[in-house]
Amino acid sequence: MNNVDRNFQLSVACLATIIVFIGLYTQSLQKMVVTYFIGMLGIIGVLSPDWESFDQSVSQWCNPLKVDNLTFESDTSTRFRFYPVRVAIFTIVYGFVLYKWWMFISSE
């Protein structure tokens, strides 16, 4: 089993635990379903992207990749490079979604 599969299984298990706690806390099937869909979209958004495409400057995301640009290394230490704009975009999007989700969960 590779790391992506292991991370996906761990993420889904954590999401299931969160859904159970939300169900016990709110006693609402609707809030549990919304939590499931928001959580799965979050997991897919982090684990599924074509990281070869996104692992470059944000200004290059819309440009097609050339075979020369692809690296076929097995080294995972360079898989996720730090780009401040990408981190800012992910932080803003995921922060806003988590804020809206929490407002929905905490409402009566």
PDB file of N, CA and C in Angstrom:
ATOM      1  N   MET A   1       0.859  -1.174   0.000  1.00  0.00           N
ATOM      2  CA  MET A   1       0.000   0.000   0.000  1.00  0.00           C
ATOM      3  C   MET A   1       0.905   1.236   0.000  1.00  0.00           C
ATOM      4  N   ASN A   2       0.636   2.162  -0.910  1.00  0.00           N
ATOM      5  CA  ASN A   2       1.493   3.347  -0.978  1.00  0.00           C
ATOM      6  C   ASN A   2       0.994   4.437  -0.034  1.00  0.00           C
ATOM      7  N   ASN A   3       1.763   5.513   0.053  1.00  0.00           N
ATOM      8  CA  ASN A   3       1.455   6.583   1.005  1.00  0.00           C
ATOM      9  C   ASN A   3       0.142   7.281   0.708  1.00  0.00           C
ATOM     10  N   VAL A   4      -0.193   7.463  -0.575  1.00  0.00           N
ATOM     11  CA  VAL A   4      -1.432   8.161  -0.915  1.00  0.00           C
ATOM     12  C   VAL A   4      -2.635   7.357  -0.431  1.00  0.00           C
ATOM     13  N   ASP A   5      -2.617   6.049  -0.641  1.00  0.00           N
ATOM     14  CA  ASP A   5      -3.722   5.205  -0.173  1.00  0.00           C
ATOM     15  C   ASP A   5      -3.818   5.227   1.352  1.00  0.00           C
ATOM     16  N   ARG A   6      -2.688   5.149   1.998  1.00  0.00           N
ATOM     17  CA  ARG A   6      -2.671   5.161   3.462  1.00  0.00           C
ATOM     18  C   ARG A   6      -3.198   6.504   3.989  1.00  0.00           C
ATOM     19  N   ASN A   7      -2.758   7.600   3.375  1.00  0.00           N
ATOM     20  CA  ASN A   7      -3.241   8.923   3.792  1.00  0.00           C
ATOM     21  C   ASN A   7      -4.730   9.083   3.537  1.00  0.00           C
ATOM     22  N   PHE A   8      -5.213   8.543   2.403  1.00  0.00           N
ATOM     23  CA  PHE A   8      -6.645   8.616   2.110  1.00  0.00           C
ATOM     24  C   PHE A   8      -7.447   7.834   3.150  1.00  0.00           C
ATOM     25  N   GLN A   9      -7.007   6.631   3.481  1.00  0.00           N
ATOM     26  CA  GLN A   9      -7.717   5.826   4.469  1.00  0.00           C
ATOM     27  C   GLN A   9      -7.723   6.496   5.837  1.00  0.00           C
ATOM     28  N   LEU A  10      -6.607   7.063   6.230  1.00  0.00           N
ATOM     29  CA  LEU A  10      -6.529   7.763   7.513  1.00  0.00           C
ATOM     30  C   LEU A  10      -7.436   8.992   7.515  1.00  0.00           C
ATOM     31  N   SER A  11      -7.457   9.728   6.414  1.00  0.00           N
ATOM     32  CA  SER A  11      -8.314  10.915   6.317  1.00  0.00           C
ATOM     33  C   SER A  11      -9.794  10.555   6.385  1.00  0.00           C
ATOM     34  N   VAL A  12     -10.182   9.492   5.704  1.00  0.00           N
ATOM     35  CA  VAL A  12     -11.588   9.069   5.724  1.00  0.00           C
ATOM     36  C   VAL A  12     -11.969   8.550   7.110  1.00  0.00           C
ATOM     37  N   ALA A  13     -11.067   7.858   7.781  1.00  0.00           N
ATOM     38  CA  ALA A  13     -11.341   7.385   9.139  1.00  0.00           C
ATOM     39  C   ALA A  13     -11.518   8.571  10.100  1.00  0.00           C
ATOM     40  N   CYS A  14     -10.670   9.587   9.969  1.00  0.00           N
ATOM     41  CA  CYS A  14     -10.824  10.795  10.802  1.00  0.00           C
ATOM     42  C   CYS A  14     -12.135  11.508  10.485  1.00  0.00           C
ATOM     43  N   LEU A  15     -12.485  11.567   9.209  1.00  0.00           N
ATOM     44  CA  LEU A  15     -13.749  12.194   8.819  1.00  0.00           C
ATOM     45  C   LEU A  15     -14.932  11.434   9.410  1.00  0.00           C
ATOM     46  N   ALA A  16     -14.870  10.110   9.408  1.00  0.00           N
ATOM     47  CA  ALA A  16     -15.955   9.311   9.992  1.00  0.00           C
ATOM     48  C   ALA A  16     -16.094   9.598  11.481  1.00  0.00           C
ATOM     49  N   THR A  17     -14.969   9.752  12.168  1.00  0.00           N
ATOM     50  CA  THR A  17     -15.008  10.084  13.598  1.00  0.00           C
ATOM     51  C   THR A  17     -15.644  11.455  13.812  1.00  0.00           C
ATOM     52  N   ILE A  18     -15.278  12.414  12.994  1.00  0.00           N
ATOM     53  CA  ILE A  18     -15.858  13.766  13.099  1.00  0.00           C
ATOM     54  C   ILE A  18     -17.353  13.717  12.834  1.00  0.00           C
ATOM     55  N   ILE A  19     -17.770  12.934  11.846  1.00  0.00           N
ATOM     56  CA  ILE A  19     -19.200  12.831  11.525  1.00  0.00           C
ATOM     57  C   ILE A  19     -19.969  12.234  12.694  1.00  0.00           C
ATOM     58  N   VAL A  20     -19.410  11.221  13.350  1.00  0.00           N
ATOM     59  CA  VAL A  20     -20.074  10.622  14.518  1.00  0.00           C
ATOM     60  C   VAL A  20     -20.224  11.657  15.631  1.00  0.00           C
ATOM     61  N   PHE A  21     -19.158  12.422  15.907  1.00  0.00           N
ATOM     62  CA  PHE A  21     -19.240  13.452  16.944  1.00  0.00           C
ATOM     63  C   PHE A  21     -20.253  14.540  16.584  1.00  0.00           C
ATOM     64  N   ILE A  22     -20.306  14.934  15.317  1.00  0.00           N
ATOM     65  CA  ILE A  22     -21.284  15.935  14.873  1.00  0.00           C
ATOM     66  C   ILE A  22     -22.696  15.384  15.049  1.00  0.00           C
ATOM     67  N   GLY A  23     -22.892  14.115  14.725  1.00  0.00           N
ATOM     68  CA  GLY A  23     -24.211  13.506  14.901  1.00  0.00           C
ATOM     69  C   GLY A  23     -24.618  13.451  16.357  1.00  0.00           C
ATOM     70  N   LEU A  24     -23.682  13.116  17.234  1.00  0.00           N
ATOM     71  CA  LEU A  24     -24.002  13.071  18.666  1.00  0.00           C
ATOM     72  C   LEU A  24     -24.247  14.470  19.228  1.00  0.00           C
ATOM     73  N   TYR A  25     -23.489  15.446  18.762  1.00  0.00           N
ATOM     74  CA  TYR A  25     -23.592  16.811  19.266  1.00  0.00           C
ATOM     75  C   TYR A  25     -24.854  17.513  18.774  1.00  0.00           C
ATOM     76  N   THR A  26     -25.186  17.346  17.488  1.00  0.00           N
ATOM     77  CA  THR A  26     -26.307  18.106  16.913  1.00  0.00           C
ATOM     78  C   THR A  26     -27.596  17.313  16.784  1.00  0.00           C
ATOM     79  N   GLN A  27     -27.508  15.993  16.820  1.00  0.00           N
ATOM     80  CA  GLN A  27     -28.682  15.139  16.599  1.00  0.00           C
ATOM     81  C   GLN A  27     -29.366  15.479  15.281  1.00  0.00           C
ATOM     82  N   SER A  28     -28.582  15.779  14.242  1.00  0.00           N
ATOM     83  CA  SER A  28     -29.120  16.189  12.950  1.00  0.00           C
ATOM     84  C   SER A  28     -28.466  15.384  11.837  1.00  0.00           C
ATOM     85  N   LEU A  29     -29.285  14.628  11.111  1.00  0.00           N
ATOM     86  CA  LEU A  29     -28.790  13.871   9.972  1.00  0.00           C
ATOM     87  C   LEU A  29     -28.324  14.815   8.865  1.00  0.00           C
ATOM     88  N   GLN A  30     -29.010  15.926   8.687  1.00  0.00           N
ATOM     89  CA  GLN A  30     -28.640  16.891   7.655  1.00  0.00           C
ATOM     90  C   GLN A  30     -27.231  17.449   7.898  1.00  0.00           C
ATOM     91  N   LYS A  31     -26.913  17.773   9.136  1.00  0.00           N
ATOM     92  CA  LYS A  31     -25.589  18.308   9.448  1.00  0.00           C
ATOM     93  C   LYS A  31     -24.514  17.240   9.296  1.00  0.00           C
ATOM     94  N   MET A  32     -24.869  15.983   9.551  1.00  0.00           N
ATOM     95  CA  MET A  32     -23.921  14.901   9.334  1.00  0.00           C
ATOM     96  C   MET A  32     -23.623  14.724   7.844  1.00  0.00           C
ATOM     97  N   VAL A  33     -24.658  14.806   7.010  1.00  0.00           N
ATOM     98  CA  VAL A  33     -24.482  14.652   5.562  1.00  0.00           C
ATOM     99  C   VAL A  33     -23.660  15.809   4.999  1.00  0.00           C
ATOM    100  N   VAL A  34     -23.943  17.028   5.442  1.00  0.00           N
ATOM    101  CA  VAL A  34     -23.174  18.188   4.984  1.00  0.00           C
ATOM    102  C   VAL A  34     -21.713  18.040   5.413  1.00  0.00           C
ATOM    103  N   THR A  35     -21.481  17.579   6.630  1.00  0.00           N
ATOM    104  CA  THR A  35     -20.118  17.363   7.112  1.00  0.00           C
ATOM    105  C   THR A  35     -19.406  16.321   6.261  1.00  0.00           C
ATOM    106  N   TYR A  36     -20.118  15.268   5.876  1.00  0.00           N
ATOM    107  CA  TYR A  36     -19.528  14.241   5.022  1.00  0.00           C
ATOM    108  C   TYR A  36     -19.095  14.830   3.683  1.00  0.00           C
ATOM    109  N   PHE A  37     -19.992  15.565   3.024  1.00  0.00           N
ATOM    110  CA  PHE A  37     -19.677  16.105   1.704  1.00  0.00           C
ATOM    111  C   PHE A  37     -18.571  17.157   1.765  1.00  0.00           C
ATOM    112  N   ILE A  38     -18.609  18.033   2.750  1.00  0.00           N
ATOM    113  CA  ILE A  38     -17.551  19.040   2.903  1.00  0.00           C
ATOM    114  C   ILE A  38     -16.214  18.343   3.190  1.00  0.00           C
ATOM    115  N   GLY A  39     -16.235  17.341   4.054  1.00  0.00           N
ATOM    116  CA  GLY A  39     -15.014  16.618   4.384  1.00  0.00           C
ATOM    117  C   GLY A  39     -14.437  15.866   3.198  1.00  0.00           C
ATOM    118  N   MET A  40     -15.288  15.207   2.426  1.00  0.00           N
ATOM    119  CA  MET A  40     -14.800  14.471   1.259  1.00  0.00           C
ATOM    120  C   MET A  40     -14.249  15.427   0.203  1.00  0.00           C
ATOM    121  N   LEU A  41     -14.903  16.556   0.004  1.00  0.00           N
ATOM    122  CA  LEU A  41     -14.367  17.538  -0.945  1.00  0.00           C
ATOM    123  C   LEU A  41     -13.016  18.071  -0.476  1.00  0.00           C
ATOM    124  N   GLY A  42     -12.883  18.282   0.823  1.00  0.00           N
ATOM    125  CA  GLY A  42     -11.599  18.725   1.363  1.00  0.00           C
ATOM    126  C   GLY A  42     -10.503  17.689   1.187  1.00  0.00           C
ATOM    127  N   ILE A  43     -10.830  16.429   1.453  1.00  0.00           N
ATOM    128  CA  ILE A  43      -9.856  15.352   1.301  1.00  0.00           C
ATOM    129  C   ILE A  43      -9.454  15.205  -0.165  1.00  0.00           C
ATOM    130  N   ILE A  44     -10.439  15.225  -1.037  1.00  0.00           N
ATOM    131  CA  ILE A  44     -10.152  15.101  -2.467  1.00  0.00           C
ATOM    132  C   ILE A  44      -9.333  16.288  -2.955  1.00  0.00           C
ATOM    133  N   GLY A  45      -9.649  17.470  -2.441  1.00  0.00           N
ATOM    134  CA  GLY A  45      -8.914  18.665  -2.859  1.00  0.00           C
ATOM    135  C   GLY A  45      -7.462  18.649  -2.447  1.00  0.00           C
ATOM    136  N   VAL A  46      -7.145  17.973  -1.361  1.00  0.00           N
ATOM    137  CA  VAL A  46      -5.757  17.921  -0.896  1.00  0.00           C
ATOM    138  C   VAL A  46      -5.019  16.725  -1.498  1.00  0.00           C
ATOM    139  N   LEU A  47      -5.658  15.572  -1.574  1.00  0.00           N
ATOM    140  CA  LEU A  47      -4.952  14.365  -1.985  1.00  0.00           C
ATOM    141  C   LEU A  47      -5.010  14.059  -3.474  1.00  0.00           C
ATOM    142  N   SER A  48      -6.002  14.566  -4.199  1.00  0.00           N
ATOM    143  CA  SER A  48      -6.184  14.164  -5.582  1.00  0.00           C
ATOM    144  C   SER A  48      -5.508  15.010  -6.659  1.00  0.00           C
ATOM    145  N   PRO A  49      -5.197  16.264  -6.424  1.00  0.00           N
ATOM    146  CA  PRO A  49      -4.683  17.049  -7.554  1.00  0.00           C
ATOM    147  C   PRO A  49      -3.450  16.435  -8.197  1.00  0.00           C
ATOM    148  N   ASP A  50      -3.303  16.732  -9.461  1.00  0.00           N
ATOM    149  CA  ASP A  50      -2.123  16.325 -10.195  1.00  0.00           C
ATOM    150  C   ASP A  50      -0.974  17.198  -9.712  1.00  0.00           C
ATOM    151  N   TRP A  51      -0.230  16.709  -8.724  1.00  0.00           N
ATOM    152  CA  TRP A  51       0.775  17.544  -8.081  1.00  0.00           C
ATOM    153  C   TRP A  51       1.900  17.925  -9.021  1.00  0.00           C
ATOM    154  N   GLU A  52       2.120  17.146 -10.076  1.00  0.00           N
ATOM    155  CA  GLU A  52       3.128  17.553 -11.056  1.00  0.00           C
ATOM    156  C   GLU A  52       2.707  18.867 -11.704  1.00  0.00           C
ATOM    157  N   SER A  53       1.416  19.030 -11.914  1.00  0.00           N
ATOM    158  CA  SER A  53       0.917  20.261 -12.526  1.00  0.00           C
ATOM    159  C   SER A  53       0.921  21.414 -11.536  1.00  0.00           C
ATOM    160  N   PHE A  54       0.509  21.164 -10.298  1.00  0.00           N
ATOM    161  CA  PHE A  54       0.410  22.225  -9.304  1.00  0.00           C
ATOM    162  C   PHE A  54       1.731  22.479  -8.577  1.00  0.00           C
ATOM    163  N   ASP A  55       2.700  21.615  -8.761  1.00  0.00           N
ATOM    164  CA  ASP A  55       3.975  21.774  -8.071  1.00  0.00           C
ATOM    165  C   ASP A  55       4.908  22.679  -8.877  1.00  0.00           C
ATOM    166  N   GLN A  56       4.397  23.828  -9.211  1.00  0.00           N
ATOM    167  CA  GLN A  56       5.151  24.857  -9.909  1.00  0.00           C
ATOM    168  C   GLN A  56       4.563  26.201  -9.532  1.00  0.00           C
ATOM    169  N   SER A  57       5.133  27.245 -10.038  1.00  0.00           N
ATOM    170  CA  SER A  57       4.651  28.582  -9.721  1.00  0.00           C
ATOM    171  C   SER A  57       3.183  28.721 -10.125  1.00  0.00           C
ATOM    172  N   VAL A  58       2.407  29.487  -9.352  1.00  0.00           N
ATOM    173  CA  VAL A  58       0.976  29.659  -9.622  1.00  0.00           C
ATOM    174  C   VAL A  58       0.746  30.231 -11.008  1.00  0.00           C
ATOM    175  N   SER A  59       1.634  31.070 -11.478  1.00  0.00           N
ATOM    176  CA  SER A  59       1.469  31.669 -12.806  1.00  0.00           C
ATOM    177  C   SER A  59       1.550  30.623 -13.918  1.00  0.00           C
ATOM    178  N   GLN A  60       2.077  29.445 -13.625  1.00  0.00           N
ATOM    179  CA  GLN A  60       2.223  28.391 -14.625  1.00  0.00           C
ATOM    180  C   GLN A  60       1.138  27.311 -14.539  1.00  0.00           C
ATOM    181  N   TRP A  61       0.178  27.444 -13.618  1.00  0.00           N
ATOM    182  CA  TRP A  61      -0.830  26.395 -13.426  1.00  0.00           C
ATOM    183  C   TRP A  61      -1.682  26.151 -14.658  1.00  0.00           C
ATOM    184  N   CYS A  62      -1.984  27.168 -15.429  1.00  0.00           N
ATOM    185  CA  CYS A  62      -2.867  27.011 -16.594  1.00  0.00           C
ATOM    186  C   CYS A  62      -2.114  26.588 -17.849  1.00  0.00           C
ATOM    187  N   ASN A  63      -0.812  26.582 -17.806  1.00  0.00           N
ATOM    188  CA  ASN A  63      -0.021  26.160 -18.962  1.00  0.00           C
ATOM    189  C   ASN A  63       0.126  24.648 -18.957  1.00  0.00           C
ATOM    190  N   PRO A  64       0.017  24.027 -20.141  1.00  0.00           N
ATOM    191  CA  PRO A  64       0.194  22.569 -20.181  1.00  0.00           C
ATOM    192  C   PRO A  64       1.637  22.187 -19.862  1.00  0.00           C
ATOM    193  N   LEU A  65       1.784  21.040 -19.238  1.00  0.00           N
ATOM    194  CA  LEU A  65       3.117  20.546 -18.904  1.00  0.00           C
ATOM    195  C   LEU A  65       3.753  19.900 -20.126  1.00  0.00           C
ATOM    196  N   LYS A  66       5.040  20.072 -20.251  1.00  0.00           N
ATOM    197  CA  LYS A  66       5.802  19.391 -21.293  1.00  0.00           C
ATOM    198  C   LYS A  66       6.469  18.180 -20.659  1.00  0.00           C
ATOM    199  N   VAL A  67       6.756  17.195 -21.457  1.00  0.00           N
ATOM    200  CA  VAL A  67       7.376  15.985 -20.948  1.00  0.00           C
ATOM    201  C   VAL A  67       8.729  16.312 -20.323  1.00  0.00           C
ATOM    202  N   ASP A  68       9.416  17.327 -20.843  1.00  0.00           N
ATOM    203  CA  ASP A  68      10.721  17.705 -20.287  1.00  0.00           C
ATOM    204  C   ASP A  68      10.576  18.185 -18.848  1.00  0.00           C
ATOM    205  N   ASN A  69       9.430  18.822 -18.522  1.00  0.00           N
ATOM    206  CA  ASN A  69       9.237  19.408 -17.198  1.00  0.00           C
ATOM    207  C   ASN A  69       8.875  18.365 -16.143  1.00  0.00           C
ATOM    208  N   LEU A  70       8.434  17.200 -16.560  1.00  0.00           N
ATOM    209  CA  LEU A  70       8.015  16.182 -15.612  1.00  0.00           C
ATOM    210  C   LEU A  70       9.228  15.516 -14.994  1.00  0.00           C
ATOM    211  N   THR A  71       9.151  15.313 -13.718  1.00  0.00           N
ATOM    212  CA  THR A  71      10.215  14.591 -13.031  1.00  0.00           C
ATOM    213  C   THR A  71       9.642  13.278 -12.543  1.00  0.00           C
ATOM    214  N   PHE A  72      10.337  12.222 -12.806  1.00  0.00           N
ATOM    215  CA  PHE A  72       9.866  10.898 -12.426  1.00  0.00           C
ATOM    216  C   PHE A  72      10.695  10.358 -11.277  1.00  0.00           C
ATOM    217  N   GLU A  73      10.929  11.205 -10.298  1.00  0.00           N
ATOM    218  CA  GLU A  73      11.716  10.793  -9.150  1.00  0.00           C
ATOM    219  C   GLU A  73      10.812  10.117  -8.131  1.00  0.00           C
ATOM    220  N   SER A  74      11.374   9.200  -7.400  1.00  0.00           N
ATOM    221  CA  SER A  74      10.611   8.560  -6.331  1.00  0.00           C
ATOM    222  C   SER A  74      10.823   9.276  -5.010  1.00  0.00           C
ATOM    223  N   ASP A  75      11.638  10.305  -5.011  1.00  0.00           N
ATOM    224  CA  ASP A  75      11.937  11.054  -3.795  1.00  0.00           C
ATOM    225  C   ASP A  75      10.727  11.897  -3.407  1.00  0.00           C
ATOM    226  N   THR A  76      10.121  11.600  -2.250  1.00  0.00           N
ATOM    227  CA  THR A  76       8.930  12.336  -1.830  1.00  0.00           C
ATOM    228  C   THR A  76       9.273  13.619  -1.099  1.00  0.00           C
ATOM    229  N   SER A  77      10.545  13.833  -0.767  1.00  0.00           N
ATOM    230  CA  SER A  77      10.905  15.053  -0.053  1.00  0.00           C
ATOM    231  C   SER A  77      10.741  16.284  -0.932  1.00  0.00           C
ATOM    232  N   THR A  78      10.832  16.115  -2.249  1.00  0.00           N
ATOM    233  CA  THR A  78      10.655  17.250  -3.152  1.00  0.00           C
ATOM    234  C   THR A  78       9.271  17.265  -3.783  1.00  0.00           C
ATOM    235  N   ARG A  79       8.395  16.377  -3.368  1.00  0.00           N
ATOM    236  CA  ARG A  79       7.086  16.298  -4.001  1.00  0.00           C
ATOM    237  C   ARG A  79       6.275  17.564  -3.769  1.00  0.00           C
ATOM    238  N   PHE A  80       6.248  18.070  -2.561  1.00  0.00           N
ATOM    239  CA  PHE A  80       5.480  19.261  -2.255  1.00  0.00           C
ATOM    240  C   PHE A  80       6.445  20.411  -1.993  1.00  0.00           C
ATOM    241  N   ARG A  81       6.620  21.229  -2.983  1.00  0.00           N
ATOM    242  CA  ARG A  81       7.470  22.403  -2.815  1.00  0.00           C
ATOM    243  C   ARG A  81       6.646  23.517  -2.217  1.00  0.00           C
ATOM    244  N   PHE A  82       7.278  24.379  -1.476  1.00  0.00           N
ATOM    245  CA  PHE A  82       6.580  25.479  -0.819  1.00  0.00           C
ATOM    246  C   PHE A  82       6.502  26.679  -1.757  1.00  0.00           C
ATOM    247  N   TYR A  83       5.280  27.045  -2.121  1.00  0.00           N
ATOM    248  CA  TYR A  83       5.025  28.259  -2.888  1.00  0.00           C
ATOM    249  C   TYR A  83       4.069  29.097  -2.060  1.00  0.00           C
ATOM    250  N   PRO A  84       4.471  30.292  -1.629  1.00  0.00           N
ATOM    251  CA  PRO A  84       3.628  31.099  -0.739  1.00  0.00           C
ATOM    252  C   PRO A  84       2.259  31.428  -1.322  1.00  0.00           C
ATOM    253  N   VAL A  85       2.166  31.682  -2.623  1.00  0.00           N
ATOM    254  CA  VAL A  85       0.869  32.027  -3.219  1.00  0.00           C
ATOM    255  C   VAL A  85      -0.062  30.824  -3.175  1.00  0.00           C
ATOM    256  N   ARG A  86       0.461  29.642  -3.458  1.00  0.00           N
ATOM    257  CA  ARG A  86      -0.367  28.426  -3.410  1.00  0.00           C
ATOM    258  C   ARG A  86      -0.854  28.179  -1.987  1.00  0.00           C
ATOM    259  N   VAL A  87       0.016  28.326  -1.018  1.00  0.00           N
ATOM    260  CA  VAL A  87      -0.371  28.137   0.380  1.00  0.00           C
ATOM    261  C   VAL A  87      -1.421  29.174   0.776  1.00  0.00           C
ATOM    262  N   ALA A  88      -1.266  30.407   0.325  1.00  0.00           N
ATOM    263  CA  ALA A  88      -2.247  31.450   0.638  1.00  0.00           C
ATOM    264  C   ALA A  88      -3.598  31.136   0.012  1.00  0.00           C
ATOM    265  N   ILE A  89      -3.610  30.680  -1.229  1.00  0.00           N
ATOM    266  CA  ILE A  89      -4.874  30.331  -1.899  1.00  0.00           C
ATOM    267  C   ILE A  89      -5.556  29.182  -1.157  1.00  0.00           C
ATOM    268  N   PHE A  90      -4.815  28.113  -0.861  1.00  0.00           N
ATOM    269  CA  PHE A  90      -5.395  26.985  -0.136  1.00  0.00           C
ATOM    270  C   PHE A  90      -5.899  27.412   1.237  1.00  0.00           C
ATOM    271  N   THR A  91      -5.135  28.241   1.933  1.00  0.00           N
ATOM    272  CA  THR A  91      -5.532  28.689   3.267  1.00  0.00           C
ATOM    273  C   THR A  91      -6.810  29.509   3.217  1.00  0.00           C
ATOM    274  N   ILE A  92      -6.916  30.411   2.265  1.00  0.00           N
ATOM    275  CA  ILE A  92      -8.124  31.240   2.141  1.00  0.00           C
ATOM    276  C   ILE A  92      -9.338  30.385   1.803  1.00  0.00           C
ATOM    277  N   VAL A  93      -9.204  29.514   0.821  1.00  0.00           N
ATOM    278  CA  VAL A  93     -10.348  28.690   0.395  1.00  0.00           C
ATOM    279  C   VAL A  93     -10.776  27.740   1.510  1.00  0.00           C
ATOM    280  N   TYR A  94      -9.834  26.993   2.079  1.00  0.00           N
ATOM    281  CA  TYR A  94     -10.193  26.035   3.125  1.00  0.00           C
ATOM    282  C   TYR A  94     -10.634  26.742   4.409  1.00  0.00           C
ATOM    283  N   GLY A  95     -10.036  27.875   4.718  1.00  0.00           N
ATOM    284  CA  GLY A  95     -10.469  28.640   5.887  1.00  0.00           C
ATOM    285  C   GLY A  95     -11.888  29.139   5.754  1.00  0.00           C
ATOM    286  N   PHE A  96     -12.241  29.656   4.570  1.00  0.00           N
ATOM    287  CA  PHE A  96     -13.606  30.136   4.342  1.00  0.00           C
ATOM    288  C   PHE A  96     -14.611  28.992   4.425  1.00  0.00           C
ATOM    289  N   VAL A  97     -14.283  27.855   3.816  1.00  0.00           N
ATOM    290  CA  VAL A  97     -15.190  26.698   3.854  1.00  0.00           C
ATOM    291  C   VAL A  97     -15.355  26.189   5.283  1.00  0.00           C
ATOM    292  N   LEU A  98     -14.271  26.109   6.039  1.00  0.00           N
ATOM    293  CA  LEU A  98     -14.384  25.669   7.433  1.00  0.00           C
ATOM    294  C   LEU A  98     -15.192  26.648   8.272  1.00  0.00           C
ATOM    295  N   TYR A  99     -15.027  27.942   8.027  1.00  0.00           N
ATOM    296  CA  TYR A  99     -15.809  28.948   8.748  1.00  0.00           C
ATOM    297  C   TYR A  99     -17.299  28.787   8.448  1.00  0.00           C
ATOM    298  N   LYS A 100     -17.664  28.638   7.159  1.00  0.00           N
ATOM    299  CA  LYS A 100     -19.072  28.467   6.781  1.00  0.00           C
ATOM    300  C   LYS A 100     -19.634  27.167   7.350  1.00  0.00           C
ATOM    301  N   TRP A 101     -18.828  26.113   7.324  1.00  0.00           N
ATOM    302  CA  TRP A 101     -19.274  24.834   7.875  1.00  0.00           C
ATOM    303  C   TRP A 101     -19.532  24.966   9.369  1.00  0.00           C
ATOM    304  N   TRP A 102     -18.631  25.625  10.099  1.00  0.00           N
ATOM    305  CA  TRP A 102     -18.804  25.774  11.539  1.00  0.00           C
ATOM    306  C   TRP A 102     -20.032  26.625  11.856  1.00  0.00           C
ATOM    307  N   MET A 103     -20.278  27.659  11.076  1.00  0.00           N
ATOM    308  CA  MET A 103     -21.483  28.480  11.283  1.00  0.00           C
ATOM    309  C   MET A 103     -22.738  27.637  11.066  1.00  0.00           C
ATOM    310  N   PHE A 104     -22.706  26.744  10.076  1.00  0.00           N
ATOM    311  CA  PHE A 104     -23.851  25.862   9.823  1.00  0.00           C
ATOM    312  C   PHE A 104     -24.029  24.861  10.953  1.00  0.00           C
ATOM    313  N   ILE A 105     -22.950  24.278  11.420  1.00  0.00           N
ATOM    314  CA  ILE A 105     -23.024  23.264  12.483  1.00  0.00           C
ATOM    315  C   ILE A 105     -23.475  23.877  13.795  1.00  0.00           C
ATOM    316  N   SER A 106     -22.976  25.075  14.110  1.00  0.00           N
ATOM    317  CA  SER A 106     -23.285  25.677  15.412  1.00  0.00           C
ATOM    318  C   SER A 106     -24.635  26.377  15.436  1.00  0.00           C
ATOM    319  N   SER A 107     -25.291  26.520  14.278  1.00  0.00           N
ATOM    320  CA  SER A 107     -26.617  27.150  14.269  1.00  0.00           C
ATOM    321  C   SER A 107     -27.664  26.132  14.737  1.00  0.00           C
ATOM    322  N   GLU A 108     -28.702  26.632  15.291  1.00  0.00           N
ATOM    323  CA  GLU A 108     -29.788  25.757  15.797  1.00  0.00           C
ATOM    324  C   GLU A 108     -30.711  25.332  14.717  1.00  0.00           C
TER     325      GLU A 108
END
